[in-house]
């Protein structure tokens, strides 16, 4: 009788339920009053943090017209391109990847309309890490809380860094404050996000994130809170990371 060898399944960070949930609202990526309104509001604070930390790491002048010219950047979980586009304008050669092909269609169309050359691909961090391309900077913003295997995801993101490269992460802390703010407040009371966008058990504490990054060989440079100021209706970097937080890490040369 012929024998059959079971094919090994490569571990994946993709949570198909999460991908389908975001694909359903993908046409709204660039609607500032739509389902992604919170990310549009987050963008100025996120971009400022990325610009300042990465410029400091690479010795770039943020006042220059294209301060990051000559540097490559990978935006993991790029969605519709809300972060990819402004960073391309700052001079990075940007590659964006996402498992959601619907969002990538939106991202490509919007970048083309803006005259921006951004290289978008439907793939995962772990699949790309198996290739040889490495990047000066890697971003993983508001994605860790949506993946199936956070440790595997962090390891893949670290592998994608070139020697001396910089990684920027942002996510939600697993605290009662985060549950009340990001789920009860944002999804049920204020309705900033569709219900079911977040699952509290997938939130990551800074210590857990730092542990995975160190296990992947990276050095933690900064962990900062990301706080919403209701009086200004805007986000700012600083304070205790009880809800949202940003993390900066670097690879050895």
Protein backbone atom coordinates (compact mmCIF):
# COMPACT_ATOMS: atom_id res chain seq x y z
CA UNK A 1 0.00 0.00 0.00
CA UNK A 2 1.27 3.48 -0.73
CA UNK A 3 2.12 5.54 2.29
CA UNK A 4 1.31 9.21 2.67
CA UNK A 5 3.51 11.62 4.57
CA UNK A 6 1.65 14.39 6.33
CA UNK A 7 2.67 17.79 5.09
CA UNK A 8 3.94 20.04 7.85
CA UNK A 9 2.04 23.27 8.19
CA UNK A 10 4.23 26.34 8.54
CA UNK A 11 3.36 28.29 11.72
CA UNK A 12 1.40 31.43 10.92
CA UNK A 13 0.65 34.66 12.75
CA UNK A 14 -2.49 35.30 10.70
CA UNK A 15 -5.82 35.21 12.53
CA UNK A 16 -8.30 34.70 9.67
CA UNK A 17 -11.22 36.02 11.72
CA UNK A 18 -9.34 39.27 12.31
CA UNK A 19 -8.48 39.58 8.60
CA UNK A 20 -12.12 39.10 7.58
CA UNK A 21 -13.29 41.61 10.17
CA UNK A 22 -11.02 44.33 8.77
CA UNK A 23 -11.67 43.36 5.13
CA UNK A 24 -15.37 44.07 5.70
CA UNK A 25 -14.62 47.73 6.48
CA UNK A 26 -11.61 48.19 4.15
CA UNK A 27 -13.34 50.72 1.84
CA UNK A 28 -13.42 53.12 4.81
CA UNK A 29 -9.64 53.28 5.32
CA UNK A 30 -9.29 56.85 4.07
CA UNK A 31 -12.59 58.14 5.47
CA UNK A 32 -11.54 60.30 8.42
CA UNK A 33 -15.01 59.99 9.94
CA UNK A 34 -15.43 56.28 9.20
CA UNK A 35 -14.44 53.04 10.93
CA UNK A 36 -10.76 54.01 11.00
CA UNK A 37 -11.31 57.43 12.53
CA UNK A 38 -9.26 56.51 15.66
CA UNK A 39 -6.22 55.70 13.51
CA UNK A 40 -6.49 59.00 11.66
CA UNK A 41 -6.46 60.73 15.04
CA UNK A 42 -3.54 58.62 16.22
CA UNK A 43 -1.43 59.35 13.16
CA UNK A 44 0.16 62.68 14.13
CA UNK A 45 1.41 61.25 17.45
CA UNK A 46 2.58 57.99 15.85
CA UNK A 47 4.37 59.71 12.98
CA UNK A 48 6.06 62.16 15.35
CA UNK A 49 7.33 59.33 17.52
CA UNK A 50 8.62 57.32 14.54
CA UNK A 51 10.26 60.38 12.99
CA UNK A 52 12.02 61.47 16.17
CA UNK A 53 13.18 58.03 17.33
CA UNK A 54 14.36 56.79 13.95
CA UNK A 55 16.04 60.12 13.12
CA UNK A 56 17.88 60.03 16.43
CA UNK A 57 18.98 56.46 15.86
CA UNK A 58 20.32 57.07 12.35
CA UNK A 59 21.58 60.61 12.94
CA UNK A 60 19.14 62.25 10.53
CA UNK A 61 17.99 65.88 10.55
CA UNK A 62 14.19 65.95 10.90
CA UNK A 63 14.16 69.48 9.46
CA UNK A 64 15.54 68.25 6.14
CA UNK A 65 13.14 67.98 3.22
CA UNK A 66 13.57 64.18 2.98
CA UNK A 67 15.27 63.23 6.25
CA UNK A 68 15.09 59.49 5.61
CA UNK A 69 16.25 59.39 2.00
CA UNK A 70 18.31 56.27 1.36
CA UNK A 71 16.65 54.25 4.14
CA UNK A 72 14.23 51.38 3.64
CA UNK A 73 11.13 50.81 5.76
CA UNK A 74 8.70 47.92 6.13
CA UNK A 75 5.18 48.63 7.39
CA UNK A 76 3.77 45.32 8.67
CA UNK A 77 -0.02 45.28 8.72
CA UNK A 78 -0.10 48.42 6.57
CA UNK A 79 -3.85 48.25 5.94
CA UNK A 80 -4.92 51.06 3.65
CA UNK A 81 -1.57 52.84 3.91
CA UNK A 82 -2.29 55.48 6.59
CA UNK A 83 1.28 55.30 7.90
CA UNK A 84 3.04 54.13 4.73
CA UNK A 85 2.15 57.27 2.78
CA UNK A 86 3.39 59.99 5.18
CA UNK A 87 6.62 58.07 5.77
CA UNK A 88 7.19 57.75 2.03
CA UNK A 89 6.87 61.53 1.87
CA UNK A 90 9.62 61.78 4.50
CA UNK A 91 12.00 59.99 2.16
CA UNK A 92 11.78 56.31 3.14
CA UNK A 93 11.61 53.67 0.43
CA UNK A 94 8.46 52.04 1.84
CA UNK A 95 7.25 48.47 1.52
CA UNK A 96 3.84 47.69 3.00
CA UNK A 97 2.54 44.20 3.70
CA UNK A 98 -0.83 42.94 4.87
CA UNK A 99 -2.85 39.72 4.82
CA UNK A 100 -5.95 41.69 3.79
CA UNK A 101 -5.96 41.93 -0.02
CA UNK A 102 -9.00 44.24 0.05
CA UNK A 103 -7.13 46.79 2.17
CA UNK A 104 -4.10 46.52 -0.12
CA UNK A 105 -6.29 47.36 -3.12
CA UNK A 106 -7.38 50.52 -1.31
CA UNK A 107 -3.76 51.32 -0.38
CA UNK A 108 -2.47 50.91 -3.93
CA UNK A 109 -5.22 53.03 -5.45
CA UNK A 110 -4.73 55.84 -2.92
CA UNK A 111 -0.92 55.85 -3.29
CA UNK A 112 -1.23 55.97 -7.09
CA UNK A 113 -3.61 58.91 -6.82
CA UNK A 114 -1.05 60.71 -4.64
CA UNK A 115 1.85 59.91 -6.97
CA UNK A 116 3.62 57.86 -4.30
CA UNK A 117 5.73 54.81 -5.16
CA UNK A 118 5.00 52.36 -2.34
CA UNK A 119 5.64 48.65 -2.77
CA UNK A 120 2.60 46.79 -1.41
CA UNK A 121 2.46 43.01 -1.01
CA UNK A 122 -0.12 40.50 0.22
CA UNK A 123 2.04 38.46 2.57
CA UNK A 124 2.89 37.90 6.23
CA UNK A 125 5.82 38.90 8.40
CA UNK A 126 6.96 35.30 8.84
CA UNK A 127 6.76 34.56 5.10
CA UNK A 128 8.80 37.66 4.32
CA UNK A 129 11.32 36.83 7.05
CA UNK A 130 12.06 33.59 5.18
CA UNK A 131 13.35 35.70 2.27
CA UNK A 132 16.61 37.65 2.15
CA UNK A 133 15.36 41.26 2.06
CA UNK A 134 16.04 43.24 5.23
CA UNK A 135 15.01 46.78 6.18
CA UNK A 136 16.54 49.71 8.04
CA UNK A 137 13.26 50.30 9.87
CA UNK A 138 10.30 48.03 10.58
CA UNK A 139 6.90 49.15 11.89
CA UNK A 140 4.25 47.03 13.59
CA UNK A 141 1.54 49.47 14.62
CA UNK A 142 -1.78 48.35 16.12
CA UNK A 143 -1.28 44.83 14.80
CA UNK A 144 0.25 42.74 17.60
CA UNK A 145 -3.13 42.58 19.35
CA UNK A 146 -4.64 41.06 16.20
CA UNK A 147 -2.16 38.27 15.37
CA UNK A 148 -2.53 34.59 16.23
CA UNK A 149 0.97 34.10 17.70
CA UNK A 150 2.57 37.27 19.16
CA UNK A 151 5.95 35.67 19.96
CA UNK A 152 6.28 34.30 16.43
CA UNK A 153 5.26 37.66 15.03
CA UNK A 154 7.88 39.53 17.08
CA UNK A 155 10.57 37.03 16.06
CA UNK A 156 9.69 37.52 12.39
CA UNK A 157 9.68 41.31 12.72
CA UNK A 158 13.11 41.21 14.37
CA UNK A 159 14.46 38.95 11.60
CA UNK A 160 13.35 41.51 9.01
CA UNK A 161 15.65 44.17 10.46
CA UNK A 162 18.99 44.90 8.85
CA UNK A 163 21.99 45.06 11.23
CA UNK A 164 21.61 48.22 13.31
CA UNK A 165 17.98 48.58 12.23
CA UNK A 166 15.13 50.11 14.24
CA UNK A 167 11.76 48.61 15.15
CA UNK A 168 8.73 50.62 16.27
CA UNK A 169 5.70 48.89 17.79
CA UNK A 170 2.44 50.21 19.15
CA UNK A 171 -0.30 48.24 20.84
CA UNK A 172 -2.63 48.05 23.85
CA UNK A 173 -1.72 47.11 27.40
CA UNK A 174 -3.71 44.35 29.11
CA UNK A 175 -5.10 46.42 31.99
CA UNK A 176 -8.57 47.21 33.33
CA UNK A 177 -8.11 50.76 32.02
CA UNK A 178 -7.46 49.42 28.51
CA UNK A 179 -10.56 47.22 28.67
CA UNK A 180 -12.72 50.15 29.72
CA UNK A 181 -11.18 52.57 27.22
CA UNK A 182 -10.47 50.52 24.09
CA UNK A 183 -13.40 48.11 24.26
CA UNK A 184 -16.24 49.49 26.41
CA UNK A 185 -15.54 53.14 25.60
CA UNK A 186 -14.33 53.04 21.98
CA UNK A 187 -16.56 50.20 20.73
CA UNK A 188 -19.75 50.42 22.79
CA UNK A 189 -20.11 53.93 24.20
CA UNK A 190 -18.40 56.30 21.73
CA UNK A 191 -18.70 53.86 18.80
CA UNK A 192 -15.36 54.94 17.39
CA UNK A 193 -14.71 51.32 16.37
CA UNK A 194 -16.96 48.46 15.20
CA UNK A 195 -17.90 46.13 18.05
CA UNK A 196 -15.59 43.14 18.23
CA UNK A 197 -12.55 45.02 16.88
CA UNK A 198 -10.54 44.09 19.98
CA UNK A 199 -10.30 41.06 22.23
CA UNK A 200 -8.97 41.85 25.68
CA UNK A 201 -7.08 38.57 26.04
CA UNK A 202 -4.91 39.48 23.03
CA UNK A 203 -3.68 42.75 24.53
CA UNK A 204 0.05 42.63 25.41
CA UNK A 205 1.68 44.02 28.53
CA UNK A 206 4.89 46.02 27.94
CA UNK A 207 6.87 43.45 29.97
CA UNK A 208 5.59 40.65 27.73
CA UNK A 209 6.46 42.59 24.61
CA UNK A 210 9.91 43.45 25.94
CA UNK A 211 10.53 39.79 26.82
CA UNK A 212 9.74 38.66 23.28
CA UNK A 213 11.87 41.41 21.75
CA UNK A 214 14.87 40.53 23.91
CA UNK A 215 14.41 36.85 23.07
CA UNK A 216 14.60 37.91 19.40
CA UNK A 217 17.93 39.64 20.05
CA UNK A 218 16.73 43.26 20.12
CA UNK A 219 17.56 45.99 22.60
CA UNK A 220 14.72 48.06 24.08
CA UNK A 221 15.35 51.78 23.66
CA UNK A 222 12.07 53.26 24.85
CA UNK A 223 8.55 52.46 26.02
CA UNK A 224 6.17 55.43 26.05
CA UNK A 225 2.50 55.81 26.80
CA UNK A 226 0.15 57.05 24.09
CA UNK A 227 -2.56 59.11 25.76
CA UNK A 228 -5.75 60.66 24.45
CA UNK A 229 -6.36 64.24 25.58
CA UNK A 230 -10.16 64.74 25.54
CA UNK A 231 -9.86 68.51 25.91
CA UNK A 232 -7.79 68.83 22.73
CA UNK A 233 -9.36 65.83 21.01
CA UNK A 234 -5.86 64.63 20.15
CA UNK A 235 -3.30 62.02 21.14
CA UNK A 236 0.07 62.72 22.70
CA UNK A 237 3.13 60.61 23.52
CA UNK A 238 4.02 60.41 27.20
CA UNK A 239 2.78 59.29 30.56
CA UNK A 240 2.38 55.84 32.06
CA UNK A 241 1.50 53.23 29.40
CA UNK A 242 -1.70 52.06 31.06
CA UNK A 243 -3.73 51.82 27.82
CA UNK A 244 -1.92 52.46 24.52
CA UNK A 245 1.84 52.47 24.26
CA UNK A 246 4.71 52.80 21.78
CA UNK A 247 7.94 50.82 21.93
CA UNK A 248 11.27 51.43 20.19
CA UNK A 249 13.91 48.70 19.83
CA UNK A 250 17.08 48.23 17.82
CA UNK A 251 19.08 45.39 16.33
CA UNK A 252 22.80 44.89 16.89
CA UNK A 253 25.18 46.07 14.19
